[in-house]
Amino acid sequence: MDIIRVILTIILPPLVVFLQVGLGFHFWLNILLTLLGYVPGSIHGVWIIATRPQHA
């Protein structure tokens, strides 16, 4: 399942971060990073998937 989330993060980073951690600081940070440059938003999204347990 993580590989699917990583692929989705590369396509649309804020959506996967939202599904992973909810509507909090990391979601808004990812929106900002994605707007500043697509690559930083994707890297942040992959980092969130790798370090955080799935939101229940």
N, C-alpha and C. Protein backbone atom coordinates (compact mmCIF):
# COMPACT_ATOMS: atom_id res chain seq x y z
N MET A 1 0.82 -1.20 0.00
CA MET A 1 0.00 0.00 0.00
C MET A 1 0.86 1.26 0.00
N ASP A 2 2.03 1.22 0.64
CA ASP A 2 2.90 2.40 0.67
C ASP A 2 3.37 2.79 -0.72
N ILE A 3 3.62 1.82 -1.58
CA ILE A 3 4.11 2.14 -2.92
C ILE A 3 3.04 2.90 -3.72
N ILE A 4 1.78 2.57 -3.50
CA ILE A 4 0.69 3.28 -4.16
C ILE A 4 0.62 4.72 -3.65
N ARG A 5 0.80 4.90 -2.34
CA ARG A 5 0.80 6.25 -1.78
C ARG A 5 1.98 7.07 -2.29
N VAL A 6 3.14 6.45 -2.46
CA VAL A 6 4.30 7.17 -2.99
C VAL A 6 4.04 7.61 -4.43
N ILE A 7 3.47 6.73 -5.23
CA ILE A 7 3.14 7.09 -6.62
C ILE A 7 2.12 8.22 -6.65
N LEU A 8 1.09 8.15 -5.80
CA LEU A 8 0.10 9.22 -5.74
C LEU A 8 0.71 10.52 -5.24
N THR A 9 1.68 10.42 -4.34
CA THR A 9 2.35 11.62 -3.84
C THR A 9 3.12 12.33 -4.95
N ILE A 10 3.71 11.56 -5.84
CA ILE A 10 4.43 12.16 -6.96
C ILE A 10 3.44 12.86 -7.90
N ILE A 11 2.24 12.31 -8.03
CA ILE A 11 1.24 12.91 -8.92
C ILE A 11 0.55 14.10 -8.27
N LEU A 12 0.09 13.95 -7.02
CA LEU A 12 -0.66 15.01 -6.34
C LEU A 12 -0.30 15.02 -4.85
N PRO A 13 0.80 15.69 -4.48
CA PRO A 13 1.30 15.64 -3.11
C PRO A 13 0.31 16.09 -2.02
N PRO A 14 -0.39 17.21 -2.16
CA PRO A 14 -1.26 17.64 -1.06
C PRO A 14 -2.38 16.65 -0.73
N LEU A 15 -2.91 15.97 -1.72
CA LEU A 15 -3.98 15.01 -1.46
C LEU A 15 -3.51 13.88 -0.55
N VAL A 16 -2.36 13.34 -0.84
CA VAL A 16 -1.85 12.21 -0.05
C VAL A 16 -1.47 12.67 1.35
N VAL A 17 -0.90 13.86 1.48
CA VAL A 17 -0.57 14.39 2.80
C VAL A 17 -1.85 14.60 3.61
N PHE A 18 -2.88 15.11 2.97
CA PHE A 18 -4.17 15.28 3.65
C PHE A 18 -4.71 13.93 4.13
N LEU A 19 -4.66 12.92 3.27
CA LEU A 19 -5.16 11.60 3.66
C LEU A 19 -4.30 10.97 4.77
N GLN A 20 -3.03 11.32 4.81
CA GLN A 20 -2.11 10.74 5.79
C GLN A 20 -2.23 11.42 7.16
N VAL A 21 -2.25 12.75 7.20
CA VAL A 21 -2.18 13.45 8.49
C VAL A 21 -3.38 14.36 8.77
N GLY A 22 -4.26 14.53 7.81
CA GLY A 22 -5.42 15.38 8.04
C GLY A 22 -5.15 16.83 7.68
N LEU A 23 -6.04 17.70 8.11
CA LEU A 23 -6.00 19.11 7.75
C LEU A 23 -5.24 19.89 8.83
N GLY A 24 -3.94 19.67 8.88
CA GLY A 24 -3.11 20.32 9.89
C GLY A 24 -1.94 21.05 9.28
N PHE A 25 -0.94 21.28 10.11
CA PHE A 25 0.25 22.04 9.72
C PHE A 25 0.94 21.44 8.51
N HIS A 26 1.14 20.13 8.49
CA HIS A 26 1.88 19.50 7.39
C HIS A 26 1.12 19.58 6.07
N PHE A 27 -0.19 19.57 6.12
CA PHE A 27 -0.98 19.73 4.90
C PHE A 27 -0.74 21.12 4.30
N TRP A 28 -0.84 22.15 5.13
CA TRP A 28 -0.66 23.52 4.63
C TRP A 28 0.78 23.76 4.20
N LEU A 29 1.72 23.17 4.92
CA LEU A 29 3.13 23.28 4.51
C LEU A 29 3.33 22.63 3.15
N ASN A 30 2.69 21.50 2.93
CA ASN A 30 2.82 20.82 1.65
C ASN A 30 2.18 21.63 0.52
N ILE A 31 1.06 22.27 0.78
CA ILE A 31 0.44 23.14 -0.21
C ILE A 31 1.43 24.25 -0.59
N LEU A 32 2.03 24.89 0.41
CA LEU A 32 2.98 25.96 0.16
C LEU A 32 4.19 25.47 -0.63
N LEU A 33 4.75 24.33 -0.22
CA LEU A 33 5.90 23.79 -0.92
C LEU A 33 5.56 23.40 -2.35
N THR A 34 4.38 22.88 -2.57
CA THR A 34 3.96 22.50 -3.92
C THR A 34 3.77 23.74 -4.79
N LEU A 35 3.25 24.81 -4.21
CA LEU A 35 3.09 26.04 -4.98
C LEU A 35 4.43 26.69 -5.30
N LEU A 36 5.39 26.58 -4.39
CA LEU A 36 6.71 27.15 -4.62
C LEU A 36 7.52 26.34 -5.63
N GLY A 37 7.25 25.07 -5.67
CA GLY A 37 7.95 24.20 -6.61
C GLY A 37 7.42 22.79 -6.43
N TYR A 38 7.12 22.16 -7.50
CA TYR A 38 6.47 20.85 -7.44
C TYR A 38 7.34 19.81 -6.74
N VAL A 39 8.64 19.85 -6.97
CA VAL A 39 9.56 18.87 -6.40
C VAL A 39 9.62 18.96 -4.87
N PRO A 40 9.73 20.15 -4.26
CA PRO A 40 9.74 20.20 -2.80
C PRO A 40 8.45 19.64 -2.18
N GLY A 41 7.31 19.89 -2.80
CA GLY A 41 6.06 19.34 -2.30
C GLY A 41 6.03 17.83 -2.38
N SER A 42 6.56 17.27 -3.45
CA SER A 42 6.62 15.82 -3.60
C SER A 42 7.57 15.20 -2.58
N ILE A 43 8.72 15.83 -2.39
CA ILE A 43 9.68 15.31 -1.40
C ILE A 43 9.08 15.34 0.00
N HIS A 44 8.42 16.43 0.34
CA HIS A 44 7.78 16.52 1.65
C HIS A 44 6.69 15.46 1.80
N GLY A 45 5.93 15.22 0.75
CA GLY A 45 4.89 14.19 0.81
C GLY A 45 5.46 12.81 1.03
N VAL A 46 6.53 12.48 0.34
CA VAL A 46 7.17 11.17 0.53
C VAL A 46 7.73 11.07 1.94
N TRP A 47 8.30 12.16 2.44
CA TRP A 47 8.83 12.17 3.81
C TRP A 47 7.71 11.93 4.82
N ILE A 48 6.56 12.54 4.62
CA ILE A 48 5.41 12.33 5.52
C ILE A 48 4.97 10.87 5.50
N ILE A 49 4.90 10.27 4.33
CA ILE A 49 4.50 8.87 4.23
C ILE A 49 5.51 7.97 4.94
N ALA A 50 6.79 8.28 4.80
CA ALA A 50 7.83 7.43 5.38
C ALA A 50 7.93 7.55 6.89
N THR A 51 7.59 8.71 7.46
CA THR A 51 7.82 8.93 8.89
C THR A 51 6.57 8.90 9.76
N ARG A 52 5.42 9.00 9.19
CA ARG A 52 4.20 9.06 9.99
C ARG A 52 3.36 7.80 9.82
N PRO A 53 2.76 7.32 10.91
CA PRO A 53 1.80 6.22 10.76
C PRO A 53 0.54 6.74 10.09
N GLN A 54 -0.20 5.84 9.46
CA GLN A 54 -1.41 6.24 8.74
C GLN A 54 -2.44 6.78 9.71
N HIS A 55 -3.09 7.89 9.32
CA HIS A 55 -4.12 8.53 10.14
C HIS A 55 -5.31 7.59 10.28
N ALA A 56 -5.79 7.41 11.51
CA ALA A 56 -6.90 6.48 11.74
C ALA A 56 -8.24 7.15 11.64
